[in-house]
Every structure is written in C-alpha cells, then in structure tokens.
Amino acid sequence: MKATVSEECIGCGLCESTCDAVFSIGDEGVAVAIEEDIPEEYEDAAKEAEEGCPVGAITVE
C-alpha cells in the first residue's frame, strides 16, 4: 500500500497524530507521506488517518 496527500491538505496534523510512522507535517506546514510502501503493521492506522482527514486529502491504496 502507498499513501499520498493532495493539495487540499490544511495541515491540521490529525494524520500525523493517528499514524506518525507514515505521515508528518512538512516544512511547508502541510502533511507529507512516506514515499515507500506502508509497512504492513501500519496499514490499518494509515487507513484510519485517511478516513479521519477532515478535507479528504489522503489516499491510501
């Protein structure tokens, strides 16, 4: 699975607090996802971050 964050991100930090192994707030104040595949043990948390994003900026597939 891979995670991406779109330009709609508002930098609220919810994804990072839900799954900091995959998401972080970058230098520009918005979320970024790791570039490599999501480790299996973090897939559920990454999906939870996707579902919890208030602006729908996260895609996990």
PDB file of N, CA and C in Angstrom:
ATOM      1  N   MET A   1       0.833  -1.176   0.000  1.00  0.00           N
ATOM      2  CA  MET A   1       0.000   0.000   0.000  1.00  0.00           C
ATOM      3  C   MET A   1       0.883   1.246   0.000  1.00  0.00           C
ATOM      4  N   LYS A   2       0.369   2.282  -0.628  1.00  0.00           N
ATOM      5  CA  LYS A   2       1.033   3.583  -0.667  1.00  0.00           C
ATOM      6  C   LYS A   2       0.065   4.634  -0.167  1.00  0.00           C
ATOM      7  N   ALA A   3       0.608   5.705   0.412  1.00  0.00           N
ATOM      8  CA  ALA A   3      -0.193   6.833   0.870  1.00  0.00           C
ATOM      9  C   ALA A   3       0.228   8.084   0.109  1.00  0.00           C
ATOM     10  N   THR A   4      -0.765   8.898  -0.233  1.00  0.00           N
ATOM     11  CA  THR A   4      -0.488  10.188  -0.853  1.00  0.00           C
ATOM     12  C   THR A   4      -1.329  11.250  -0.156  1.00  0.00           C
ATOM     13  N   VAL A   5      -0.826  12.478  -0.206  1.00  0.00           N
ATOM     14  CA  VAL A   5      -1.530  13.623   0.364  1.00  0.00           C
ATOM     15  C   VAL A   5      -1.693  14.649  -0.747  1.00  0.00           C
ATOM     16  N   SER A   6      -2.926  15.085  -0.974  1.00  0.00           N
ATOM     17  CA  SER A   6      -3.196  16.039  -2.055  1.00  0.00           C
ATOM     18  C   SER A   6      -3.018  17.482  -1.596  1.00  0.00           C
ATOM     19  N   GLU A   7      -3.155  18.393  -2.533  1.00  0.00           N
ATOM     20  CA  GLU A   7      -3.009  19.819  -2.263  1.00  0.00           C
ATOM     21  C   GLU A   7      -4.113  20.365  -1.363  1.00  0.00           C
ATOM     22  N   GLU A   8      -5.184  19.613  -1.161  1.00  0.00           N
ATOM     23  CA  GLU A   8      -6.272  20.059  -0.292  1.00  0.00           C
ATOM     24  C   GLU A   8      -5.889  20.060   1.181  1.00  0.00           C
ATOM     25  N   CYS A   9      -4.750  19.470   1.522  1.00  0.00           N
ATOM     26  CA  CYS A   9      -4.315  19.361   2.915  1.00  0.00           C
ATOM     27  C   CYS A   9      -4.275  20.739   3.580  1.00  0.00           C
ATOM     28  N   ILE A  10      -4.821  20.803   4.801  1.00  0.00           N
ATOM     29  CA  ILE A  10      -4.823  22.050   5.568  1.00  0.00           C
ATOM     30  C   ILE A  10      -3.809  22.021   6.712  1.00  0.00           C
ATOM     31  N   GLY A  11      -3.067  20.940   6.831  1.00  0.00           N
ATOM     32  CA  GLY A  11      -2.014  20.847   7.840  1.00  0.00           C
ATOM     33  C   GLY A  11      -2.514  20.750   9.268  1.00  0.00           C
ATOM     34  N   CYS A  12      -3.663  20.116   9.465  1.00  0.00           N
ATOM     35  CA  CYS A  12      -4.239  20.040  10.816  1.00  0.00           C
ATOM     36  C   CYS A  12      -3.476  19.095  11.737  1.00  0.00           C
ATOM     37  N   GLY A  13      -2.731  18.147  11.174  1.00  0.00           N
ATOM     38  CA  GLY A  13      -1.911  17.237  11.968  1.00  0.00           C
ATOM     39  C   GLY A  13      -2.616  15.979  12.447  1.00  0.00           C
ATOM     40  N   LEU A  14      -3.884  15.808  12.105  1.00  0.00           N
ATOM     41  CA  LEU A  14      -4.621  14.628  12.557  1.00  0.00           C
ATOM     42  C   LEU A  14      -3.984  13.342  12.025  1.00  0.00           C
ATOM     43  N   CYS A  15      -3.562  13.344  10.782  1.00  0.00           N
ATOM     44  CA  CYS A  15      -2.950  12.142  10.216  1.00  0.00           C
ATOM     45  C   CYS A  15      -1.660  11.783  10.949  1.00  0.00           C
ATOM     46  N   GLU A  16      -0.862  12.788  11.253  1.00  0.00           N
ATOM     47  CA  GLU A  16       0.391  12.542  11.967  1.00  0.00           C
ATOM     48  C   GLU A  16       0.124  11.983  13.363  1.00  0.00           C
ATOM     49  N   SER A  17      -0.891  12.514  14.036  1.00  0.00           N
ATOM     50  CA  SER A  17      -1.192  12.010  15.378  1.00  0.00           C
ATOM     51  C   SER A  17      -1.803  10.610  15.324  1.00  0.00           C
ATOM     52  N   THR A  18      -2.420  10.255  14.201  1.00  0.00           N
ATOM     53  CA  THR A  18      -3.012   8.930  14.034  1.00  0.00           C
ATOM     54  C   THR A  18      -1.978   7.895  13.607  1.00  0.00           C
ATOM     55  N   CYS A  19      -1.063   8.296  12.741  1.00  0.00           N
ATOM     56  CA  CYS A  19      -0.087   7.340  12.191  1.00  0.00           C
ATOM     57  C   CYS A  19       1.211   8.066  11.846  1.00  0.00           C
ATOM     58  N   ASP A  20       2.010   8.381  12.855  1.00  0.00           N
ATOM     59  CA  ASP A  20       3.237   9.133  12.617  1.00  0.00           C
ATOM     60  C   ASP A  20       4.336   8.324  11.928  1.00  0.00           C
ATOM     61  N   ALA A  21       4.120   7.033  11.772  1.00  0.00           N
ATOM     62  CA  ALA A  21       5.074   6.215  11.026  1.00  0.00           C
ATOM     63  C   ALA A  21       4.943   6.463   9.518  1.00  0.00           C
ATOM     64  N   VAL A  22       3.799   6.993   9.095  1.00  0.00           N
ATOM     65  CA  VAL A  22       3.540   7.211   7.670  1.00  0.00           C
ATOM     66  C   VAL A  22       3.423   8.694   7.335  1.00  0.00           C
ATOM     67  N   PHE A  23       2.830   9.492   8.222  1.00  0.00           N
ATOM     68  CA  PHE A  23       2.555  10.899   7.924  1.00  0.00           C
ATOM     69  C   PHE A  23       3.324  11.830   8.859  1.00  0.00           C
ATOM     70  N   SER A  24       3.718  12.966   8.316  1.00  0.00           N
ATOM     71  CA  SER A  24       4.344  14.014   9.120  1.00  0.00           C
ATOM     72  C   SER A  24       3.956  15.357   8.503  1.00  0.00           C
ATOM     73  N   ILE A  25       4.139  16.408   9.290  1.00  0.00           N
ATOM     74  CA  ILE A  25       3.910  17.750   8.777  1.00  0.00           C
ATOM     75  C   ILE A  25       5.245  18.252   8.245  1.00  0.00           C
ATOM     76  N   GLY A  26       5.259  18.600   6.973  1.00  0.00           N
ATOM     77  CA  GLY A  26       6.490  19.021   6.316  1.00  0.00           C
ATOM     78  C   GLY A  26       6.828  20.475   6.570  1.00  0.00           C
ATOM     79  N   ASP A  27       7.902  20.914   5.971  1.00  0.00           N
ATOM     80  CA  ASP A  27       8.405  22.270   6.141  1.00  0.00           C
ATOM     81  C   ASP A  27       7.411  23.334   5.677  1.00  0.00           C
ATOM     82  N   GLU A  28       6.528  22.973   4.756  1.00  0.00           N
ATOM     83  CA  GLU A  28       5.553  23.932   4.237  1.00  0.00           C
ATOM     84  C   GLU A  28       4.272  23.969   5.055  1.00  0.00           C
ATOM     85  N   GLY A  29       4.242  23.220   6.165  1.00  0.00           N
ATOM     86  CA  GLY A  29       3.084  23.255   7.052  1.00  0.00           C
ATOM     87  C   GLY A  29       1.933  22.363   6.663  1.00  0.00           C
ATOM     88  N   VAL A  30       2.141  21.494   5.694  1.00  0.00           N
ATOM     89  CA  VAL A  30       1.119  20.523   5.301  1.00  0.00           C
ATOM     90  C   VAL A  30       1.686  19.112   5.432  1.00  0.00           C
ATOM     91  N   ALA A  31       0.793  18.146   5.439  1.00  0.00           N
ATOM     92  CA  ALA A  31       1.203  16.755   5.633  1.00  0.00           C
ATOM     93  C   ALA A  31       1.940  16.203   4.419  1.00  0.00           C
ATOM     94  N   VAL A  32       2.850  15.307   4.711  1.00  0.00           N
ATOM     95  CA  VAL A  32       3.546  14.526   3.692  1.00  0.00           C
ATOM     96  C   VAL A  32       3.513  13.067   4.140  1.00  0.00           C
ATOM     97  N   ALA A  33       3.520  12.176   3.174  1.00  0.00           N
ATOM     98  CA  ALA A  33       3.523  10.737   3.455  1.00  0.00           C
ATOM     99  C   ALA A  33       4.877  10.159   3.072  1.00  0.00           C
ATOM    100  N   ILE A  34       5.238   9.065   3.724  1.00  0.00           N
ATOM    101  CA  ILE A  34       6.476   8.387   3.335  1.00  0.00           C
ATOM    102  C   ILE A  34       6.370   7.974   1.867  1.00  0.00           C
ATOM    103  N   GLU A  35       7.481   7.947   1.187  1.00  0.00           N
ATOM    104  CA  GLU A  35       7.480   7.621  -0.238  1.00  0.00           C
ATOM    105  C   GLU A  35       7.444   6.126  -0.504  1.00  0.00           C
ATOM    106  N   GLU A  36       7.942   5.343   0.440  1.00  0.00           N
ATOM    107  CA  GLU A  36       7.971   3.895   0.224  1.00  0.00           C
ATOM    108  C   GLU A  36       6.623   3.271   0.596  1.00  0.00           C
ATOM    109  N   ASP A  37       6.518   1.985   0.356  1.00  0.00           N
ATOM    110  CA  ASP A  37       5.303   1.262   0.724  1.00  0.00           C
ATOM    111  C   ASP A  37       5.085   1.338   2.229  1.00  0.00           C
ATOM    112  N   ILE A  38       3.827   1.394   2.623  1.00  0.00           N
ATOM    113  CA  ILE A  38       3.473   1.434   4.036  1.00  0.00           C
ATOM    114  C   ILE A  38       3.798   0.070   4.648  1.00  0.00           C
ATOM    115  N   PRO A  39       4.573   0.030   5.720  1.00  0.00           N
ATOM    116  CA  PRO A  39       4.828  -1.256   6.379  1.00  0.00           C
ATOM    117  C   PRO A  39       3.494  -1.878   6.827  1.00  0.00           C
ATOM    118  N   GLU A  40       3.390  -3.174   6.697  1.00  0.00           N
ATOM    119  CA  GLU A  40       2.132  -3.879   6.963  1.00  0.00           C
ATOM    120  C   GLU A  40       1.558  -3.553   8.341  1.00  0.00           C
ATOM    121  N   GLU A  41       2.412  -3.413   9.340  1.00  0.00           N
ATOM    122  CA  GLU A  41       1.908  -3.160  10.694  1.00  0.00           C
ATOM    123  C   GLU A  41       1.269  -1.776  10.849  1.00  0.00           C
ATOM    124  N   TYR A  42       1.458  -0.879   9.868  1.00  0.00           N
ATOM    125  CA  TYR A  42       0.875   0.463   9.929  1.00  0.00           C
ATOM    126  C   TYR A  42      -0.270   0.677   8.944  1.00  0.00           C
ATOM    127  N   GLU A  43      -0.628  -0.344   8.181  1.00  0.00           N
ATOM    128  CA  GLU A  43      -1.670  -0.183   7.170  1.00  0.00           C
ATOM    129  C   GLU A  43      -3.014   0.217   7.776  1.00  0.00           C
ATOM    130  N   ASP A  44      -3.421  -0.410   8.876  1.00  0.00           N
ATOM    131  CA  ASP A  44      -4.707  -0.074   9.495  1.00  0.00           C
ATOM    132  C   ASP A  44      -4.716   1.363  10.007  1.00  0.00           C
ATOM    133  N   ALA A  45      -3.639   1.795  10.628  1.00  0.00           N
ATOM    134  CA  ALA A  45      -3.554   3.163  11.135  1.00  0.00           C
ATOM    135  C   ALA A  45      -3.548   4.171   9.983  1.00  0.00           C
ATOM    136  N   ALA A  46      -2.887   3.837   8.880  1.00  0.00           N
ATOM    137  CA  ALA A  46      -2.873   4.730   7.718  1.00  0.00           C
ATOM    138  C   ALA A  46      -4.276   4.869   7.139  1.00  0.00           C
ATOM    139  N   LYS A  47      -5.015   3.760   7.069  1.00  0.00           N
ATOM    140  CA  LYS A  47      -6.410   3.816   6.594  1.00  0.00           C
ATOM    141  C   LYS A  47      -7.268   4.641   7.543  1.00  0.00           C
ATOM    142  N   GLU A  48      -7.025   4.534   8.843  1.00  0.00           N
ATOM    143  CA  GLU A  48      -7.755   5.328   9.825  1.00  0.00           C
ATOM    144  C   GLU A  48      -7.463   6.821   9.612  1.00  0.00           C
ATOM    145  N   ALA A  49      -6.222   7.157   9.312  1.00  0.00           N
ATOM    146  CA  ALA A  49      -5.859   8.546   9.027  1.00  0.00           C
ATOM    147  C   ALA A  49      -6.568   9.038   7.770  1.00  0.00           C
ATOM    148  N   GLU A  50      -6.648   8.177   6.756  1.00  0.00           N
ATOM    149  CA  GLU A  50      -7.348   8.532   5.523  1.00  0.00           C
ATOM    150  C   GLU A  50      -8.817   8.837   5.823  1.00  0.00           C
ATOM    151  N   GLU A  51      -9.451   7.970   6.578  1.00  0.00           N
ATOM    152  CA  GLU A  51     -10.866   8.139   6.900  1.00  0.00           C
ATOM    153  C   GLU A  51     -11.115   9.352   7.795  1.00  0.00           C
ATOM    154  N   GLY A  52     -10.143   9.699   8.636  1.00  0.00           N
ATOM    155  CA  GLY A  52     -10.314  10.799   9.567  1.00  0.00           C
ATOM    156  C   GLY A  52      -9.937  12.168   9.026  1.00  0.00           C
ATOM    157  N   CYS A  53      -9.319  12.216   7.866  1.00  0.00           N
ATOM    158  CA  CYS A  53      -8.890  13.502   7.305  1.00  0.00           C
ATOM    159  C   CYS A  53     -10.105  14.401   7.072  1.00  0.00           C
ATOM    160  N   PRO A  54     -10.136  15.584   7.694  1.00  0.00           N
ATOM    161  CA  PRO A  54     -11.317  16.435   7.592  1.00  0.00           C
ATOM    162  C   PRO A  54     -11.569  17.015   6.203  1.00  0.00           C
ATOM    163  N   VAL A  55     -10.559  17.023   5.342  1.00  0.00           N
ATOM    164  CA  VAL A  55     -10.754  17.560   3.999  1.00  0.00           C
ATOM    165  C   VAL A  55     -10.572  16.507   2.909  1.00  0.00           C
ATOM    166  N   GLY A  56     -10.406  15.240   3.293  1.00  0.00           N
ATOM    167  CA  GLY A  56     -10.267  14.164   2.299  1.00  0.00           C
ATOM    168  C   GLY A  56      -9.020  14.251   1.460  1.00  0.00           C
ATOM    169  N   ALA A  57      -7.939  14.748   2.043  1.00  0.00           N
ATOM    170  CA  ALA A  57      -6.704  14.950   1.285  1.00  0.00           C
ATOM    171  C   ALA A  57      -5.823  13.714   1.206  1.00  0.00           C
ATOM    172  N   ILE A  58      -6.161  12.669   1.945  1.00  0.00           N
ATOM    173  CA  ILE A  58      -5.307  11.468   2.000  1.00  0.00           C
ATOM    174  C   ILE A  58      -5.918  10.335   1.204  1.00  0.00           C
ATOM    175  N   THR A  59      -5.051   9.667   0.444  1.00  0.00           N
ATOM    176  CA  THR A  59      -5.452   8.463  -0.273  1.00  0.00           C
ATOM    177  C   THR A  59      -4.484   7.359   0.123  1.00  0.00           C
ATOM    178  N   VAL A  60      -5.032   6.226   0.521  1.00  0.00           N
ATOM    179  CA  VAL A  60      -4.227   5.046   0.843  1.00  0.00           C
ATOM    180  C   VAL A  60      -4.738   3.914  -0.026  1.00  0.00           C
ATOM    181  N   GLU A  61      -3.857   3.395  -0.881  1.00  0.00           N
ATOM    182  CA  GLU A  61      -4.244   2.276  -1.757  1.00  0.00           C
ATOM    183  C   GLU A  61      -3.079   1.390  -2.063  1.00  0.00           C
TER     184      GLU A  61
END
